[in-house]
Amino acid sequence: MNPTPTTSDARLDLRMSAADKERIVRAASLRGLPVAAFVREAALRESESVMNAAESLTLSAEESRRFLQALDTPFEPNAKLKKALARISGAA
């Protein structure tokens, strides 16, 4: 049985051009971080940004107004929904 991987035993290998590696090494040096820590922090920051963008919804002022208005308006079922609810209630 393998234990749950910790930060130190999960690996991620990358292939990149020498120029890309040089840029990353220089940037890590400017931040005073080891390259692995710099890459890990940058990748986690970007993945958080991507997930936040994918999991959130931004409404315009008009869309926001319409959404709030819909929440404030009492729901009125139409004839088809009333018929379906009656059919389900009768079957139970």
Foldseek 3Di string as FASTA:
>chain_A
DDDDDDPVPDDDDDDDDPVVVVVLCVVCVVVVHDSVVSVVVVVVVVVVVVVVVVPDDDDDPVRVVVVVVVVVDDDDDDPVVVVVVVVVVVVD
